[in-house]
PDB file of N, CA and C in Angstrom:
ATOM      1  N   MET A   1     -42.042 -27.013  36.788  1.00  0.00           N
ATOM      2  CA  MET A   1     -42.201 -27.229  35.267  1.00  0.00           C
ATOM      3  C   MET A   1     -43.680 -26.958  35.080  1.00  0.00           C
ATOM      4  N   ALA A   2     -44.380 -26.519  33.952  1.00  0.00           N
ATOM      5  CA  ALA A   2     -45.431 -26.086  33.283  1.00  0.00           C
ATOM      6  C   ALA A   2     -45.480 -26.921  32.204  1.00  0.00           C
ATOM      7  N   ILE A   3     -46.955 -27.460  32.099  1.00  0.00           N
ATOM      8  CA  ILE A   3     -47.204 -27.959  31.147  1.00  0.00           C
ATOM      9  C   ILE A   3     -47.326 -27.588  29.643  1.00  0.00           C
ATOM     10  N   SER A   4     -46.315 -28.041  28.860  1.00  0.00           N
ATOM     11  CA  SER A   4     -46.318 -27.256  27.422  1.00  0.00           C
ATOM     12  C   SER A   4     -47.425 -27.641  26.363  1.00  0.00           C
ATOM     13  N   ASP A   5     -47.922 -28.676  26.756  1.00  0.00           N
ATOM     14  CA  ASP A   5     -49.069 -29.160  25.511  1.00  0.00           C
ATOM     15  C   ASP A   5     -50.514 -28.017  25.734  1.00  0.00           C
ATOM     16  N   ARG A   6     -50.561 -27.392  24.840  1.00  0.00           N
ATOM     17  CA  ARG A   6     -51.753 -26.465  24.949  1.00  0.00           C
ATOM     18  C   ARG A   6     -53.012 -26.990  25.449  1.00  0.00           C
ATOM     19  N   ARG A   7     -53.068 -27.736  24.846  1.00  0.00           N
ATOM     20  CA  ARG A   7     -54.706 -28.529  25.054  1.00  0.00           C
ATOM     21  C   ARG A   7     -54.539 -29.219  26.420  1.00  0.00           C
ATOM     22  N   MET A   8     -53.483 -29.695  26.988  1.00  0.00           N
ATOM     23  CA  MET A   8     -53.398 -30.093  28.380  1.00  0.00           C
ATOM     24  C   MET A   8     -53.399 -28.827  29.450  1.00  0.00           C
ATOM     25  N   ALA A   9     -52.686 -28.060  28.799  1.00  0.00           N
ATOM     26  CA  ALA A   9     -52.271 -26.730  29.945  1.00  0.00           C
ATOM     27  C   ALA A   9     -53.779 -26.165  30.221  1.00  0.00           C
ATOM     28  N   GLU A  10     -54.787 -26.001  29.183  1.00  0.00           N
ATOM     29  CA  GLU A  10     -55.952 -25.423  29.191  1.00  0.00           C
ATOM     30  C   GLU A  10     -57.288 -26.395  29.542  1.00  0.00           C
ATOM     31  N   TYR A  11     -56.696 -27.727  29.754  1.00  0.00           N
ATOM     32  CA  TYR A  11     -57.694 -28.586  30.201  1.00  0.00           C
ATOM     33  C   TYR A  11     -58.089 -28.546  31.378  1.00  0.00           C
ATOM     34  N   ALA A  12     -59.668 -28.543  31.904  1.00  0.00           N
ATOM     35  CA  ALA A  12     -60.258 -28.517  33.042  1.00  0.00           C
ATOM     36  C   ALA A  12     -60.070 -29.639  33.828  1.00  0.00           C
ATOM     37  N   PHE A  13     -59.218 -30.355  34.503  1.00  0.00           N
ATOM     38  CA  PHE A  13     -58.976 -31.290  34.948  1.00  0.00           C
ATOM     39  C   PHE A  13     -60.153 -31.361  36.181  1.00  0.00           C
ATOM     40  N   LEU A  14     -60.889 -32.461  36.285  1.00  0.00           N
ATOM     41  CA  LEU A  14     -61.804 -32.695  37.273  1.00  0.00           C
ATOM     42  C   LEU A  14     -62.624 -31.927  37.316  1.00  0.00           C
ATOM     43  N   GLY A  15     -63.192 -31.323  36.402  1.00  0.00           N
ATOM     44  CA  GLY A  15     -64.221 -30.228  36.441  1.00  0.00           C
ATOM     45  C   GLY A  15     -65.626 -30.668  36.844  1.00  0.00           C
ATOM     46  N   GLY A  16     -65.771 -31.734  36.579  1.00  0.00           N
ATOM     47  CA  GLY A  16     -67.118 -32.187  37.273  1.00  0.00           C
ATOM     48  C   GLY A  16     -67.197 -32.369  38.822  1.00  0.00           C
ATOM     49  N   LEU A  17     -65.872 -32.609  39.262  1.00  0.00           N
ATOM     50  CA  LEU A  17     -65.884 -32.733  40.810  1.00  0.00           C
ATOM     51  C   LEU A  17     -65.879 -31.608  41.306  1.00  0.00           C
ATOM     52  N   TYR A  18     -65.009 -30.625  40.523  1.00  0.00           N
ATOM     53  CA  TYR A  18     -65.262 -29.152  41.127  1.00  0.00           C
ATOM     54  C   TYR A  18     -66.755 -28.590  41.290  1.00  0.00           C
ATOM     55  N   ARG A  19     -67.565 -29.011  40.415  1.00  0.00           N
ATOM     56  CA  ARG A  19     -68.987 -28.558  40.610  1.00  0.00           C
ATOM     57  C   ARG A  19     -69.921 -29.093  41.185  1.00  0.00           C
ATOM     58  N   ASP A  20     -69.222 -30.302  41.869  1.00  0.00           N
ATOM     59  CA  ASP A  20     -70.441 -30.873  42.931  1.00  0.00           C
ATOM     60  C   ASP A  20     -69.765 -30.765  44.270  1.00  0.00           C
ATOM     61  N   PRO A  21     -70.732 -30.330  45.051  1.00  0.00           N
ATOM     62  CA  PRO A  21     -70.054 -29.778  46.730  1.00  0.00           C
ATOM     63  C   PRO A  21     -69.877 -31.096  47.462  1.00  0.00           C
ATOM     64  N   TYR A  22     -70.098 -32.323  46.964  1.00  0.00           N
ATOM     65  CA  TYR A  22     -69.849 -33.321  47.797  1.00  0.00           C
ATOM     66  C   TYR A  22     -68.330 -33.685  47.837  1.00  0.00           C
ATOM     67  N   PHE A  23     -67.828 -33.387  46.703  1.00  0.00           N
ATOM     68  CA  PHE A  23     -66.208 -33.182  46.666  1.00  0.00           C
ATOM     69  C   PHE A  23     -65.478 -31.933  46.978  1.00  0.00           C
ATOM     70  N   PRO A  24     -64.745 -32.114  48.381  1.00  0.00           N
ATOM     71  CA  PRO A  24     -64.143 -30.751  48.613  1.00  0.00           C
ATOM     72  C   PRO A  24     -63.093 -30.328  47.820  1.00  0.00           C
ATOM     73  N   ASP A  25     -63.316 -29.155  47.536  1.00  0.00           N
ATOM     74  CA  ASP A  25     -62.516 -28.196  46.680  1.00  0.00           C
ATOM     75  C   ASP A  25     -60.690 -28.794  47.077  1.00  0.00           C
ATOM     76  N   ARG A  26     -60.428 -28.652  48.011  1.00  0.00           N
ATOM     77  CA  ARG A  26     -59.140 -28.673  48.759  1.00  0.00           C
ATOM     78  C   ARG A  26     -58.508 -30.220  47.805  1.00  0.00           C
ATOM     79  N   LEU A  27     -59.481 -31.127  48.017  1.00  0.00           N
ATOM     80  CA  LEU A  27     -58.973 -32.516  47.946  1.00  0.00           C
ATOM     81  C   LEU A  27     -59.042 -32.610  46.412  1.00  0.00           C
ATOM     82  N   VAL A  28     -59.894 -32.144  45.818  1.00  0.00           N
ATOM     83  CA  VAL A  28     -59.925 -32.229  44.416  1.00  0.00           C
ATOM     84  C   VAL A  28     -58.969 -31.579  43.742  1.00  0.00           C
ATOM     85  N   ASP A  29     -58.243 -30.169  44.289  1.00  0.00           N
ATOM     86  CA  ASP A  29     -56.896 -29.540  43.950  1.00  0.00           C
ATOM     87  C   ASP A  29     -55.821 -30.653  44.061  1.00  0.00           C
ATOM     88  N   ARG A  30     -55.988 -31.454  45.276  1.00  0.00           N
ATOM     89  CA  ARG A  30     -54.964 -32.451  45.325  1.00  0.00           C
ATOM     90  C   ARG A  30     -54.748 -33.349  43.971  1.00  0.00           C
ATOM     91  N   GLY A  31     -55.911 -33.619  43.522  1.00  0.00           N
ATOM     92  CA  GLY A  31     -56.287 -34.557  42.597  1.00  0.00           C
ATOM     93  C   GLY A  31     -55.521 -33.888  41.255  1.00  0.00           C
ATOM     94  N   ARG A  32     -56.153 -32.831  40.862  1.00  0.00           N
ATOM     95  CA  ARG A  32     -55.745 -31.929  39.820  1.00  0.00           C
ATOM     96  C   ARG A  32     -54.027 -32.079  39.886  1.00  0.00           C
ATOM     97  N   ALA A  33     -53.457 -31.422  40.839  1.00  0.00           N
ATOM     98  CA  ALA A  33     -51.996 -31.623  40.731  1.00  0.00           C
ATOM     99  C   ALA A  33     -51.567 -32.894  40.402  1.00  0.00           C
ATOM    100  N   VAL A  34     -52.084 -33.937  40.922  1.00  0.00           N
ATOM    101  CA  VAL A  34     -51.780 -35.412  40.338  1.00  0.00           C
ATOM    102  C   VAL A  34     -51.522 -35.427  38.691  1.00  0.00           C
ATOM    103  N   LEU A  35     -52.484 -35.086  38.362  1.00  0.00           N
ATOM    104  CA  LEU A  35     -52.882 -35.027  36.785  1.00  0.00           C
ATOM    105  C   LEU A  35     -51.974 -34.131  36.111  1.00  0.00           C
ATOM    106  N   VAL A  36     -51.662 -33.089  36.775  1.00  0.00           N
ATOM    107  CA  VAL A  36     -50.845 -32.134  36.152  1.00  0.00           C
ATOM    108  C   VAL A  36     -49.291 -32.453  36.072  1.00  0.00           C
ATOM    109  N   ARG A  37     -48.995 -33.222  37.422  1.00  0.00           N
ATOM    110  CA  ARG A  37     -47.490 -33.977  37.433  1.00  0.00           C
ATOM    111  C   ARG A  37     -47.655 -35.220  36.282  1.00  0.00           C
ATOM    112  N   LEU A  38     -48.758 -35.665  36.205  1.00  0.00           N
ATOM    113  CA  LEU A  38     -48.805 -36.840  35.167  1.00  0.00           C
ATOM    114  C   LEU A  38     -48.237 -36.060  33.623  1.00  0.00           C
ATOM    115  N   CYS A  39     -48.899 -35.374  33.546  1.00  0.00           N
ATOM    116  CA  CYS A  39     -48.710 -34.244  32.227  1.00  0.00           C
ATOM    117  C   CYS A  39     -47.232 -34.196  32.154  1.00  0.00           C
ATOM    118  N   GLU A  40     -46.749 -33.476  33.159  1.00  0.00           N
ATOM    119  CA  GLU A  40     -45.156 -33.076  33.172  1.00  0.00           C
ATOM    120  C   GLU A  40     -44.380 -34.225  33.141  1.00  0.00           C
ATOM    121  N   ARG A  41     -44.644 -35.358  33.558  1.00  0.00           N
ATOM    122  CA  ARG A  41     -43.652 -36.412  33.842  1.00  0.00           C
ATOM    123  C   ARG A  41     -43.806 -37.049  32.121  1.00  0.00           C
ATOM    124  N   ILE A  42     -44.923 -37.100  31.609  1.00  0.00           N
ATOM    125  CA  ILE A  42     -44.922 -37.597  30.044  1.00  0.00           C
ATOM    126  C   ILE A  42     -44.077 -36.698  29.042  1.00  0.00           C
ATOM    127  N   GLU A  43     -44.328 -35.485  29.501  1.00  0.00           N
ATOM    128  CA  GLU A  43     -43.344 -34.173  28.612  1.00  0.00           C
ATOM    129  C   GLU A  43     -41.910 -34.678  28.936  1.00  0.00           C
ATOM    130  N   ALA A  44     -41.685 -34.824  30.274  1.00  0.00           N
ATOM    131  CA  ALA A  44     -40.241 -34.835  30.457  1.00  0.00           C
ATOM    132  C   ALA A  44     -39.482 -36.102  30.063  1.00  0.00           C
ATOM    133  N   GLU A  45     -40.170 -37.200  30.391  1.00  0.00           N
ATOM    134  CA  GLU A  45     -39.874 -38.520  30.123  1.00  0.00           C
ATOM    135  C   GLU A  45     -40.212 -39.343  28.785  1.00  0.00           C
ATOM    136  N   HIS A  46     -40.903 -38.546  27.895  1.00  0.00           N
ATOM    137  CA  HIS A  46     -41.308 -39.398  26.662  1.00  0.00           C
ATOM    138  C   HIS A  46     -41.626 -40.686  26.749  1.00  0.00           C
ATOM    139  N   PRO A  47     -42.379 -41.286  27.367  1.00  0.00           N
ATOM    140  CA  PRO A  47     -42.497 -42.819  27.318  1.00  0.00           C
ATOM    141  C   PRO A  47     -42.507 -43.347  25.692  1.00  0.00           C
ATOM    142  N   ALA A  48     -41.873 -44.230  25.501  1.00  0.00           N
ATOM    143  CA  ALA A  48     -41.932 -44.749  24.391  1.00  0.00           C
ATOM    144  C   ALA A  48     -42.881 -45.389  23.709  1.00  0.00           C
ATOM    145  N   ASP A  49     -43.827 -46.328  24.694  1.00  0.00           N
ATOM    146  CA  ASP A  49     -44.530 -46.963  24.151  1.00  0.00           C
ATOM    147  C   ASP A  49     -45.679 -47.328  25.542  1.00  0.00           C
ATOM    148  N   LEU A  50     -46.484 -48.072  25.180  1.00  0.00           N
ATOM    149  CA  LEU A  50     -47.692 -48.117  26.329  1.00  0.00           C
ATOM    150  C   LEU A  50     -47.372 -48.814  27.565  1.00  0.00           C
ATOM    151  N   ALA A  51     -46.459 -49.458  27.582  1.00  0.00           N
ATOM    152  CA  ALA A  51     -45.869 -49.972  28.910  1.00  0.00           C
ATOM    153  C   ALA A  51     -45.463 -49.009  29.777  1.00  0.00           C
ATOM    154  N   ALA A  52     -44.563 -48.050  29.040  1.00  0.00           N
ATOM    155  CA  ALA A  52     -43.794 -47.051  29.799  1.00  0.00           C
ATOM    156  C   ALA A  52     -44.966 -45.905  30.183  1.00  0.00           C
ATOM    157  N   LEU A  53     -45.911 -45.670  29.471  1.00  0.00           N
ATOM    158  CA  LEU A  53     -46.832 -44.881  29.559  1.00  0.00           C
ATOM    159  C   LEU A  53     -47.811 -45.432  30.766  1.00  0.00           C
ATOM    160  N   TYR A  54     -48.111 -46.682  30.718  1.00  0.00           N
ATOM    161  CA  TYR A  54     -48.687 -47.202  32.060  1.00  0.00           C
ATOM    162  C   TYR A  54     -48.041 -47.191  33.319  1.00  0.00           C
ATOM    163  N   ALA A  55     -46.485 -47.176  33.188  1.00  0.00           N
ATOM    164  CA  ALA A  55     -45.971 -47.062  34.528  1.00  0.00           C
ATOM    165  C   ALA A  55     -46.272 -45.627  35.209  1.00  0.00           C
ATOM    166  N   LEU A  56     -46.368 -44.776  34.199  1.00  0.00           N
ATOM    167  CA  LEU A  56     -46.221 -43.465  34.849  1.00  0.00           C
ATOM    168  C   LEU A  56     -47.901 -43.433  35.389  1.00  0.00           C
ATOM    169  N   THR A  57     -48.799 -43.709  34.460  1.00  0.00           N
ATOM    170  CA  THR A  57     -50.278 -43.777  35.045  1.00  0.00           C
ATOM    171  C   THR A  57     -50.376 -44.445  36.130  1.00  0.00           C
ATOM    172  N   HIS A  58     -49.671 -45.656  36.514  1.00  0.00           N
ATOM    173  CA  HIS A  58     -49.982 -46.524  37.833  1.00  0.00           C
ATOM    174  C   HIS A  58     -49.606 -45.883  38.667  1.00  0.00           C
ATOM    175  N   ALA A  59     -48.093 -45.162  38.688  1.00  0.00           N
ATOM    176  CA  ALA A  59     -47.927 -44.351  39.885  1.00  0.00           C
ATOM    177  C   ALA A  59     -48.710 -42.988  40.003  1.00  0.00           C
ATOM    178  N   ALA A  60     -49.254 -42.530  39.190  1.00  0.00           N
ATOM    179  CA  ALA A  60     -50.241 -41.148  39.377  1.00  0.00           C
ATOM    180  C   ALA A  60     -51.655 -41.714  39.841  1.00  0.00           C
ATOM    181  N   THR A  61     -51.785 -43.028  39.777  1.00  0.00           N
ATOM    182  CA  THR A  61     -53.217 -43.839  40.304  1.00  0.00           C
ATOM    183  C   THR A  61     -52.940 -43.954  41.669  1.00  0.00           C
ATOM    184  N   GLU A  62     -51.897 -44.569  42.167  1.00  0.00           N
ATOM    185  CA  GLU A  62     -51.210 -44.741  43.410  1.00  0.00           C
ATOM    186  C   GLU A  62     -51.345 -43.525  44.469  1.00  0.00           C
ATOM    187  N   GLU A  63     -51.245 -42.305  43.599  1.00  0.00           N
ATOM    188  CA  GLU A  63     -51.251 -40.959  44.400  1.00  0.00           C
ATOM    189  C   GLU A  63     -52.504 -40.871  44.567  1.00  0.00           C
ATOM    190  N   PHE A  64     -53.773 -41.107  43.595  1.00  0.00           N
ATOM    191  CA  PHE A  64     -55.152 -40.984  44.128  1.00  0.00           C
ATOM    192  C   PHE A  64     -55.628 -42.275  44.977  1.00  0.00           C
ATOM    193  N   ASN A  65     -55.024 -43.239  45.052  1.00  0.00           N
ATOM    194  CA  ASN A  65     -55.400 -44.402  45.736  1.00  0.00           C
ATOM    195  C   ASN A  65     -55.021 -43.593  47.365  1.00  0.00           C
ATOM    196  N   ALA A  66     -53.924 -42.870  47.351  1.00  0.00           N
ATOM    197  CA  ALA A  66     -53.401 -42.254  48.971  1.00  0.00           C
ATOM    198  C   ALA A  66     -54.718 -41.196  49.290  1.00  0.00           C
ATOM    199  N   LEU A  67     -55.094 -40.731  48.487  1.00  0.00           N
ATOM    200  CA  LEU A  67     -56.022 -39.386  48.559  1.00  0.00           C
ATOM    201  C   LEU A  67     -57.523 -40.049  49.097  1.00  0.00           C
ATOM    202  N   GLU A  68     -58.020 -41.518  49.110  1.00  0.00           N
ATOM    203  CA  GLU A  68     -58.924 -41.811  49.196  1.00  0.00           C
ATOM    204  C   GLU A  68     -59.596 -41.918  50.579  1.00  0.00           C
ATOM    205  N   ALA A  69     -58.427 -42.172  51.592  1.00  0.00           N
ATOM    206  CA  ALA A  69     -58.559 -41.959  52.960  1.00  0.00           C
ATOM    207  C   ALA A  69     -59.414 -40.355  53.217  1.00  0.00           C
ATOM    208  N   GLU A  70     -58.690 -39.493  52.682  1.00  0.00           N
ATOM    209  CA  GLU A  70     -58.916 -37.864  52.772  1.00  0.00           C
ATOM    210  C   GLU A  70     -60.043 -37.887  52.655  1.00  0.00           C
ATOM    211  N   PHE A  71     -60.730 -38.108  51.303  1.00  0.00           N
ATOM    212  CA  PHE A  71     -61.840 -37.988  50.982  1.00  0.00           C
ATOM    213  C   PHE A  71     -62.780 -38.630  52.032  1.00  0.00           C
ATOM    214  N   GLU A  72     -62.581 -39.721  52.500  1.00  0.00           N
ATOM    215  CA  GLU A  72     -63.669 -40.416  53.290  1.00  0.00           C
ATOM    216  C   GLU A  72     -63.336 -39.668  54.633  1.00  0.00           C
ATOM    217  N   ALA A  73     -62.339 -39.032  55.121  1.00  0.00           N
ATOM    218  CA  ALA A  73     -62.613 -38.537  56.303  1.00  0.00           C
ATOM    219  C   ALA A  73     -63.109 -36.852  56.372  1.00  0.00           C
ATOM    220  N   ALA A  74     -63.345 -36.647  54.710  1.00  0.00           N
ATOM    221  CA  ALA A  74     -63.953 -35.213  54.693  1.00  0.00           C
ATOM    222  C   ALA A  74     -65.468 -35.438  54.609  1.00  0.00           C
ATOM    223  N   GLY A  75     -65.844 -36.843  54.730  1.00  0.00           N
ATOM    224  CA  GLY A  75     -67.160 -37.420  54.285  1.00  0.00           C
ATOM    225  C   GLY A  75     -67.877 -37.292  52.917  1.00  0.00           C
ATOM    226  N   SER A  76     -66.392 -37.766  52.332  1.00  0.00           N
ATOM    227  CA  SER A  76     -66.822 -37.738  50.517  1.00  0.00           C
ATOM    228  C   SER A  76     -66.354 -39.348  50.397  1.00  0.00           C
ATOM    229  N   GLU A  77     -65.806 -39.461  49.354  1.00  0.00           N
ATOM    230  CA  GLU A  77     -65.215 -40.855  48.925  1.00  0.00           C
ATOM    231  C   GLU A  77     -65.231 -40.740  47.272  1.00  0.00           C
ATOM    232  N   ILE A  78     -64.168 -41.614  46.698  1.00  0.00           N
ATOM    233  CA  ILE A  78     -64.134 -41.739  45.284  1.00  0.00           C
ATOM    234  C   ILE A  78     -64.964 -42.722  44.768  1.00  0.00           C
ATOM    235  N   GLU A  79     -66.066 -42.258  44.551  1.00  0.00           N
ATOM    236  CA  GLU A  79     -67.329 -43.040  44.080  1.00  0.00           C
ATOM    237  C   GLU A  79     -67.330 -43.234  42.680  1.00  0.00           C
ATOM    238  N   THR A  80     -68.538 -43.697  42.229  1.00  0.00           N
ATOM    239  CA  THR A  80     -68.782 -43.509  40.615  1.00  0.00           C
ATOM    240  C   THR A  80     -68.683 -42.584  39.828  1.00  0.00           C
ATOM    241  N   VAL A  81     -69.106 -41.523  40.489  1.00  0.00           N
ATOM    242  CA  VAL A  81     -68.858 -40.235  39.702  1.00  0.00           C
ATOM    243  C   VAL A  81     -67.503 -39.709  39.507  1.00  0.00           C
ATOM    244  N   ALA A  82     -66.881 -39.858  40.852  1.00  0.00           N
ATOM    245  CA  ALA A  82     -65.252 -39.653  40.892  1.00  0.00           C
ATOM    246  C   ALA A  82     -64.589 -40.572  39.991  1.00  0.00           C
ATOM    247  N   ARG A  83     -64.767 -41.710  39.974  1.00  0.00           N
ATOM    248  CA  ARG A  83     -64.125 -42.695  39.282  1.00  0.00           C
ATOM    249  C   ARG A  83     -64.179 -42.480  37.671  1.00  0.00           C
ATOM    250  N   GLU A  84     -65.519 -42.280  37.501  1.00  0.00           N
ATOM    251  CA  GLU A  84     -65.550 -41.939  35.773  1.00  0.00           C
ATOM    252  C   GLU A  84     -64.771 -40.488  35.342  1.00  0.00           C
ATOM    253  N   GLU A  85     -65.053 -39.470  36.290  1.00  0.00           N
ATOM    254  CA  GLU A  85     -64.128 -38.398  35.963  1.00  0.00           C
ATOM    255  C   GLU A  85     -62.694 -38.404  35.818  1.00  0.00           C
ATOM    256  N   ILE A  86     -62.035 -39.082  36.882  1.00  0.00           N
ATOM    257  CA  ILE A  86     -60.578 -39.380  37.144  1.00  0.00           C
ATOM    258  C   ILE A  86     -60.285 -40.200  35.680  1.00  0.00           C
ATOM    259  N   ALA A  87     -60.806 -41.418  35.672  1.00  0.00           N
ATOM    260  CA  ALA A  87     -60.741 -42.265  34.334  1.00  0.00           C
ATOM    261  C   ALA A  87     -60.748 -41.507  32.813  1.00  0.00           C
ATOM    262  N   GLU A  88     -61.804 -40.920  33.255  1.00  0.00           N
ATOM    263  CA  GLU A  88     -61.923 -39.789  31.767  1.00  0.00           C
ATOM    264  C   GLU A  88     -60.652 -39.047  31.579  1.00  0.00           C
ATOM    265  N   ASP A  89     -60.287 -38.307  32.743  1.00  0.00           N
ATOM    266  CA  ASP A  89     -59.039 -37.478  32.539  1.00  0.00           C
ATOM    267  C   ASP A  89     -57.595 -38.158  32.247  1.00  0.00           C
ATOM    268  N   PHE A  90     -57.629 -39.345  32.681  1.00  0.00           N
ATOM    269  CA  PHE A  90     -56.379 -40.145  32.606  1.00  0.00           C
ATOM    270  C   PHE A  90     -56.511 -40.503  30.963  1.00  0.00           C
ATOM    271  N   TRP A  91     -57.646 -40.876  30.426  1.00  0.00           N
ATOM    272  CA  TRP A  91     -57.691 -41.061  29.031  1.00  0.00           C
ATOM    273  C   TRP A  91     -57.455 -39.889  28.192  1.00  0.00           C
ATOM    274  N   SER A  92     -57.912 -38.775  28.504  1.00  0.00           N
ATOM    275  CA  SER A  92     -57.788 -37.610  27.882  1.00  0.00           C
ATOM    276  C   SER A  92     -56.447 -37.208  27.694  1.00  0.00           C
ATOM    277  N   ILE A  93     -55.559 -37.550  28.663  1.00  0.00           N
ATOM    278  CA  ILE A  93     -54.040 -37.155  28.830  1.00  0.00           C
ATOM    279  C   ILE A  93     -53.450 -38.102  27.902  1.00  0.00           C
ATOM    280  N   ALA A  94     -53.810 -39.605  28.012  1.00  0.00           N
ATOM    281  CA  ALA A  94     -53.380 -40.553  27.205  1.00  0.00           C
ATOM    282  C   ALA A  94     -53.368 -39.950  25.585  1.00  0.00           C
ATOM    283  N   MET A  95     -54.592 -39.719  25.056  1.00  0.00           N
ATOM    284  CA  MET A  95     -54.816 -39.208  24.057  1.00  0.00           C
ATOM    285  C   MET A  95     -54.084 -37.968  23.235  1.00  0.00           C
ATOM    286  N   ALA A  96     -54.176 -36.942  24.229  1.00  0.00           N
ATOM    287  CA  ALA A  96     -53.303 -35.818  23.986  1.00  0.00           C
ATOM    288  C   ALA A  96     -51.959 -35.925  23.716  1.00  0.00           C
ATOM    289  N   TYR A  97     -51.356 -37.045  24.355  1.00  0.00           N
ATOM    290  CA  TYR A  97     -49.968 -37.424  24.176  1.00  0.00           C
ATOM    291  C   TYR A  97     -49.313 -38.518  23.114  1.00  0.00           C
ATOM    292  N   GLY A  98     -50.975 -38.863  22.343  1.00  0.00           N
ATOM    293  CA  GLY A  98     -50.219 -39.482  21.085  1.00  0.00           C
ATOM    294  C   GLY A  98     -50.540 -41.387  21.377  1.00  0.00           C
ATOM    295  N   PHE A  99     -51.243 -41.387  22.534  1.00  0.00           N
ATOM    296  CA  PHE A  99     -51.022 -42.686  22.825  1.00  0.00           C
ATOM    297  C   PHE A  99     -52.634 -43.600  22.667  1.00  0.00           C
ATOM    298  N   THR A 100     -52.985 -43.465  21.260  1.00  0.00           N
ATOM    299  CA  THR A 100     -54.234 -43.522  21.158  1.00  0.00           C
ATOM    300  C   THR A 100     -54.726 -45.045  21.387  1.00  0.00           C
ATOM    301  N   GLY A 101     -53.583 -45.748  21.440  1.00  0.00           N
ATOM    302  CA  GLY A 101     -54.148 -47.352  21.703  1.00  0.00           C
ATOM    303  C   GLY A 101     -54.243 -47.638  23.189  1.00  0.00           C
ATOM    304  N   ALA A 102     -54.135 -46.591  24.075  1.00  0.00           N
ATOM    305  CA  ALA A 102     -54.248 -46.943  25.335  1.00  0.00           C
ATOM    306  C   ALA A 102     -55.590 -47.395  25.885  1.00  0.00           C
ATOM    307  N   ASP A 103     -55.623 -48.298  26.984  1.00  0.00           N
ATOM    308  CA  ASP A 103     -56.656 -48.960  27.561  1.00  0.00           C
ATOM    309  C   ASP A 103     -57.136 -47.971  28.784  1.00  0.00           C
ATOM    310  N   VAL A 104     -58.148 -47.342  28.871  1.00  0.00           N
ATOM    311  CA  VAL A 104     -58.538 -46.734  30.039  1.00  0.00           C
ATOM    312  C   VAL A 104     -58.426 -47.570  31.412  1.00  0.00           C
ATOM    313  N   GLU A 105     -59.012 -48.797  31.290  1.00  0.00           N
ATOM    314  CA  GLU A 105     -58.959 -49.693  32.400  1.00  0.00           C
ATOM    315  C   GLU A 105     -57.375 -50.032  32.925  1.00  0.00           C
ATOM    316  N   GLU A 106     -56.400 -50.193  32.005  1.00  0.00           N
ATOM    317  CA  GLU A 106     -55.256 -50.329  32.341  1.00  0.00           C
ATOM    318  C   GLU A 106     -54.550 -48.782  32.699  1.00  0.00           C
ATOM    319  N   LEU A 107     -54.732 -47.784  32.061  1.00  0.00           N
ATOM    320  CA  LEU A 107     -54.261 -46.586  32.802  1.00  0.00           C
ATOM    321  C   LEU A 107     -54.157 -46.576  34.281  1.00  0.00           C
ATOM    322  N   ILE A 108     -55.504 -46.864  34.747  1.00  0.00           N
ATOM    323  CA  ILE A 108     -55.926 -46.721  36.157  1.00  0.00           C
ATOM    324  C   ILE A 108     -55.991 -48.136  36.843  1.00  0.00           C
ATOM    325  N   ALA A 109     -55.427 -49.276  36.180  1.00  0.00           N
ATOM    326  CA  ALA A 109     -55.592 -50.492  36.661  1.00  0.00           C
ATOM    327  C   ALA A 109     -54.854 -50.609  38.287  1.00  0.00           C
ATOM    328  N   THR A 110     -54.238 -49.747  38.753  1.00  0.00           N
ATOM    329  CA  THR A 110     -53.743 -49.896  40.166  1.00  0.00           C
ATOM    330  C   THR A 110     -54.605 -49.312  41.276  1.00  0.00           C
ATOM    331  N   ARG A 111     -56.126 -48.872  40.751  1.00  0.00           N
ATOM    332  CA  ARG A 111     -56.559 -48.039  41.588  1.00  0.00           C
ATOM    333  C   ARG A 111     -57.359 -48.970  42.777  1.00  0.00           C
ATOM    334  N   ASP A 112     -57.504 -48.350  43.834  1.00  0.00           N
ATOM    335  CA  ASP A 112     -58.441 -49.127  44.864  1.00  0.00           C
ATOM    336  C   ASP A 112     -59.929 -48.498  45.040  1.00  0.00           C
ATOM    337  N   TRP A 113     -60.364 -47.786  44.353  1.00  0.00           N
ATOM    338  CA  TRP A 113     -61.563 -46.887  44.308  1.00  0.00           C
ATOM    339  C   TRP A 113     -62.203 -47.516  43.013  1.00  0.00           C
TER     340      TRP A 113
END
């Protein structure tokens, strides 16, 4: 399934991480895939409220948690720059799908990074 929302389909997920050689592109690609899947799930499941959205974003955050060890094994980590970039993309997704009351910290509340 492809993202149908034009803004999100054209959005440069994790753009800052791709520009920084500290973050391996192959792992950033996997993080980007998490965000694309999140958009696809939102479009498929149409969460009715913030609680339903948070359930989806928490599942996506868990996928990023699983990537942390791989970043570390590659000599990188999900640190301040990456945390901010990831959080900003989660927030952008929430805004694009009309969840203007979403709290960015709650979107990624299950993070280990």
